[in-house]
Amino acid sequence: MFDDWLRHFKDRWMTPLALLIGPRVSPNAVTIIAALVGLYCAYLASQGAMTAAFVTWVVNRLLDAIDGLQARVHGRQSDFGGYLDIMLDHVVYAAIPIGLLISHPTPTFGIVTALLLGAYFVNGASWMYLAAILERIGTGARARGELTTITMPPAIVAGAETIVFFSLFFLLPQYQIQLFSAMAILVAVNIVQRLVWAYRALPVPSGPV
């Protein structure tokens, strides 16, 4: 929900770091390192090491913030880089809830984890396929002046909100069931939001749906 505003703030804050890293470091290498850190975060979560998992989660998010900026400031943007970034992000987003479930394998927690990952799965389809359609009809990221590889139709839970929720998973482990449930519900709202948005924004045949 706040991603566009936060992206401009993040870019101003982290551009000196991207310049310091220099053009020789591949943005894709940063993306892969971020994913490895994220998977280690999931492992730590599976062992119940919540403080260490939170620290590695923050490192993962910082590295994820720098890879696209690194590409832009050094003229190393690529469609493959954007694809790799979003794919590995989703690997981490799936691995961490599974790691948390391993550390707390109760039937109730298993159910809410399944609901969260199921909502995430459908949410991914809700925006990725929609983004592909928008790119095809010429109203995608470039037409909208967005910095991302493809457009991401807005919703109540996006990158910034995901960072907050996952941070709370580690910082408030006693409320993980409630937090998983709340995030699953809000991600389900995302799906409905985008369905309504797509119906209004995309060409539809005349007559009833």
Protein backbone atom coordinates (compact mmCIF):
# COMPACT_ATOMS: atom_id res chain seq x y z
CA MET A 1 0.00 0.00 0.00
CA PHE A 2 2.90 2.37 0.78
CA ASP A 3 5.45 0.84 -1.59
CA ASP A 4 5.58 3.66 -4.15
CA TRP A 5 6.16 6.34 -1.52
CA LEU A 6 8.67 4.24 0.41
CA ARG A 7 10.57 3.29 -2.76
CA HIS A 8 11.48 6.93 -3.42
CA PHE A 9 12.57 7.38 0.21
CA LYS A 10 14.58 4.14 0.10
CA ASP A 11 16.30 5.11 -3.15
CA ARG A 12 17.41 8.47 -1.74
CA TRP A 13 18.73 6.81 1.41
CA MET A 14 20.48 3.84 -0.23
CA THR A 15 21.86 5.38 -3.44
CA PRO A 16 25.21 6.25 -1.76
CA LEU A 17 25.56 2.59 -0.76
CA ALA A 18 24.79 1.41 -4.30
CA LEU A 19 27.41 3.82 -5.64
CA LEU A 20 29.91 2.60 -3.05
CA ILE A 21 29.38 -1.04 -4.07
CA GLY A 22 30.26 -0.04 -7.62
CA PRO A 23 29.35 -1.32 -11.07
CA ARG A 24 31.47 -4.47 -10.94
CA VAL A 25 29.19 -6.20 -8.46
CA SER A 26 26.37 -7.91 -10.33
CA PRO A 27 22.87 -6.97 -9.13
CA ASN A 28 21.89 -10.61 -9.71
CA ALA A 29 24.63 -11.69 -7.30
CA VAL A 30 23.13 -9.38 -4.67
CA THR A 31 19.71 -10.90 -5.36
CA ILE A 32 21.04 -14.45 -4.89
CA ILE A 33 22.89 -13.54 -1.69
CA ALA A 34 19.70 -11.94 -0.37
CA ALA A 35 17.80 -15.16 -1.07
CA LEU A 36 20.44 -17.29 0.66
CA VAL A 37 20.23 -15.03 3.71
CA GLY A 38 16.43 -15.34 3.58
CA LEU A 39 16.64 -19.13 3.49
CA TYR A 40 19.02 -19.06 6.44
CA CYS A 41 16.45 -16.89 8.19
CA ALA A 42 13.86 -19.62 7.57
CA TYR A 43 16.26 -22.22 9.01
CA LEU A 44 16.83 -20.13 12.13
CA ALA A 45 13.07 -19.75 12.48
CA SER A 46 12.66 -23.52 12.26
CA GLN A 47 15.09 -23.84 15.19
CA GLY A 48 13.16 -21.33 17.27
CA ALA A 49 15.96 -18.73 17.17
CA MET A 50 13.60 -15.78 16.70
CA THR A 51 16.02 -12.97 17.49
CA ALA A 52 18.64 -14.27 15.06
CA ALA A 53 15.92 -14.92 12.48
CA PHE A 54 14.73 -11.33 12.80
CA VAL A 55 18.26 -10.00 12.28
CA THR A 56 18.75 -12.11 9.15
CA TRP A 57 15.30 -11.07 7.90
CA VAL A 58 16.34 -7.41 8.16
CA VAL A 59 19.58 -8.20 6.29
CA ASN A 60 17.58 -10.02 3.61
CA ARG A 61 15.29 -7.02 3.14
CA LEU A 62 18.22 -4.57 2.97
CA LEU A 63 19.93 -6.67 0.31
CA ASP A 64 16.67 -6.99 -1.57
CA ALA A 65 16.31 -3.22 -1.47
CA ILE A 66 19.78 -2.65 -2.89
CA ASP A 67 19.78 -5.05 -5.87
CA GLY A 68 17.34 -3.13 -8.08
CA LEU A 69 18.86 0.20 -7.06
CA GLN A 70 22.32 -1.18 -7.81
CA ALA A 71 21.09 -2.11 -11.29
CA ARG A 72 19.53 1.29 -11.94
CA VAL A 73 22.38 3.55 -10.77
CA HIS A 74 24.97 1.57 -12.76
CA GLY A 75 22.87 0.96 -15.88
CA ARG A 76 22.72 -2.81 -15.32
CA GLN A 77 18.95 -3.31 -15.37
CA SER A 78 17.65 -6.42 -17.09
CA ASP A 79 14.36 -8.25 -17.47
CA PHE A 80 16.02 -11.41 -16.15
CA GLY A 81 17.18 -9.54 -13.06
CA GLY A 82 13.64 -8.38 -12.34
CA TYR A 83 12.33 -11.90 -12.87
CA LEU A 84 15.00 -13.46 -10.63
CA ASP A 85 14.31 -10.90 -7.91
CA ILE A 86 10.57 -11.53 -7.68
CA MET A 87 10.94 -15.31 -7.96
CA LEU A 88 13.50 -15.54 -5.15
CA ASP A 89 11.48 -13.14 -3.01
CA HIS A 90 8.59 -15.57 -3.18
CA VAL A 91 10.87 -18.49 -2.30
CA VAL A 92 11.80 -16.64 0.89
CA TYR A 93 8.21 -15.59 1.58
CA ALA A 94 7.17 -19.25 1.44
CA ALA A 95 10.16 -20.66 3.33
CA ILE A 96 9.84 -18.47 6.42
CA PRO A 97 6.25 -19.43 7.38
CA ILE A 98 7.19 -23.08 6.81
CA GLY A 99 10.21 -22.61 9.07
CA LEU A 100 8.03 -21.05 11.75
CA LEU A 101 5.60 -23.95 11.48
CA ILE A 102 8.45 -26.45 11.93
CA SER A 103 9.38 -24.68 15.17
CA HIS A 104 5.78 -24.82 16.42
CA PRO A 105 4.09 -27.84 14.76
CA THR A 106 0.60 -27.73 16.25
CA PRO A 107 -2.58 -28.54 14.29
CA THR A 108 -3.92 -24.99 14.69
CA PHE A 109 -0.68 -23.42 13.52
CA GLY A 110 -0.60 -25.84 10.61
CA ILE A 111 -4.05 -24.71 9.52
CA VAL A 112 -3.27 -20.98 9.65
CA THR A 113 0.03 -21.57 7.84
CA ALA A 114 -1.83 -23.43 5.09
CA LEU A 115 -4.36 -20.58 4.87
CA LEU A 116 -1.59 -17.97 4.66
CA LEU A 117 0.37 -19.81 1.98
CA GLY A 118 -2.84 -20.56 0.06
CA ALA A 119 -3.80 -16.89 0.14
CA TYR A 120 -0.29 -15.99 -1.00
CA PHE A 121 -0.51 -18.46 -3.87
CA VAL A 122 -3.78 -17.03 -5.19
CA ASN A 123 -2.58 -13.48 -4.55
CA GLY A 124 0.46 -14.14 -6.72
CA ALA A 125 -1.78 -15.19 -9.58
CA SER A 126 -4.03 -12.18 -8.97
CA TRP A 127 -1.30 -9.64 -9.62
CA MET A 128 1.22 -11.43 -11.84
CA TYR A 129 -1.24 -12.46 -14.53
CA LEU A 130 -2.92 -9.07 -14.32
CA ALA A 131 0.47 -7.38 -14.66
CA ALA A 132 1.20 -9.48 -17.76
CA ILE A 133 -2.09 -8.36 -19.33
CA LEU A 134 -1.37 -4.71 -18.53
CA GLU A 135 2.08 -4.99 -20.11
CA ARG A 136 0.56 -6.63 -23.21
CA ILE A 137 -1.99 -3.85 -23.73
CA GLY A 138 0.60 -1.13 -23.19
CA THR A 139 -0.48 0.13 -19.77
CA GLY A 140 2.26 -1.54 -17.72
CA ALA A 141 5.18 -0.27 -15.67
CA ARG A 142 6.82 1.83 -18.38
CA ALA A 143 3.57 3.54 -19.35
CA ARG A 144 2.88 4.30 -15.70
CA GLY A 145 6.40 5.62 -15.04
CA GLU A 146 7.09 2.91 -12.46
CA LEU A 147 10.60 1.74 -11.55
CA THR A 148 9.70 -1.95 -11.28
CA THR A 149 10.17 -4.42 -14.15
CA ILE A 150 6.41 -4.97 -14.38
CA THR A 151 3.56 -3.03 -12.86
CA MET A 152 2.17 -4.12 -9.52
CA PRO A 153 -1.50 -3.12 -9.19
CA PRO A 154 -1.98 -1.64 -5.70
CA ALA A 155 -3.47 -3.59 -2.82
CA ILE A 156 -3.72 -3.38 0.94
CA VAL A 157 -0.78 -5.75 1.53
CA ALA A 158 2.33 -5.21 -0.58
CA GLY A 159 6.06 -5.28 0.12
CA ALA A 160 6.13 -2.83 3.03
CA GLU A 161 3.25 -4.52 4.84
CA THR A 162 4.86 -7.92 4.29
CA ILE A 163 8.05 -6.67 5.94
CA VAL A 164 6.04 -5.48 8.95
CA PHE A 165 4.08 -8.71 9.30
CA PHE A 166 7.12 -10.97 8.97
CA SER A 167 9.03 -8.83 11.47
CA LEU A 168 6.19 -9.24 13.95
CA PHE A 169 6.25 -13.01 13.41
CA PHE A 170 9.76 -12.98 14.92
CA LEU A 171 9.33 -10.22 17.47
CA LEU A 172 5.99 -11.46 18.86
CA PRO A 173 6.18 -15.26 18.54
CA GLN A 174 3.44 -15.71 21.13
CA TYR A 175 1.00 -14.10 18.66
CA GLN A 176 2.09 -15.96 15.53
CA ILE A 177 -1.26 -17.72 15.05
CA GLN A 178 -3.13 -14.42 15.26
CA LEU A 179 -0.64 -12.66 12.99
CA PHE A 180 -0.74 -15.46 10.40
CA SER A 181 -4.55 -15.33 10.45
CA ALA A 182 -4.63 -11.54 10.10
CA MET A 183 -2.19 -11.57 7.21
CA ALA A 184 -4.09 -14.37 5.44
CA ILE A 185 -7.32 -12.36 5.69
CA LEU A 186 -5.70 -9.16 4.40
CA VAL A 187 -4.02 -10.98 1.52
CA ALA A 188 -7.44 -12.41 0.65
CA VAL A 189 -8.71 -8.81 0.58
CA ASN A 190 -5.89 -8.10 -1.91
CA ILE A 191 -7.34 -10.73 -4.24
CA VAL A 192 -10.79 -9.17 -4.13
CA GLN A 193 -9.37 -5.66 -4.59
CA ARG A 194 -7.50 -6.66 -7.71
CA LEU A 195 -10.43 -8.59 -9.13
CA VAL A 196 -12.63 -5.49 -8.80
CA TRP A 197 -9.84 -3.27 -10.14
CA ALA A 198 -9.30 -5.56 -13.14
CA TYR A 199 -13.03 -5.67 -13.94
CA ARG A 200 -13.14 -1.87 -13.97
CA ALA A 201 -9.83 -1.27 -15.75
CA LEU A 202 -9.65 -3.99 -18.38
CA PRO A 203 -11.74 -4.11 -21.55
CA VAL A 204 -14.71 -6.46 -21.15
CA PRO A 205 -17.27 -7.64 -23.70
CA SER A 206 -20.66 -5.96 -23.68
CA GLY A 207 -23.44 -7.64 -21.76
CA PRO A 208 -23.38 -9.44 -18.42
CA VAL A 209 -20.20 -11.08 -17.15
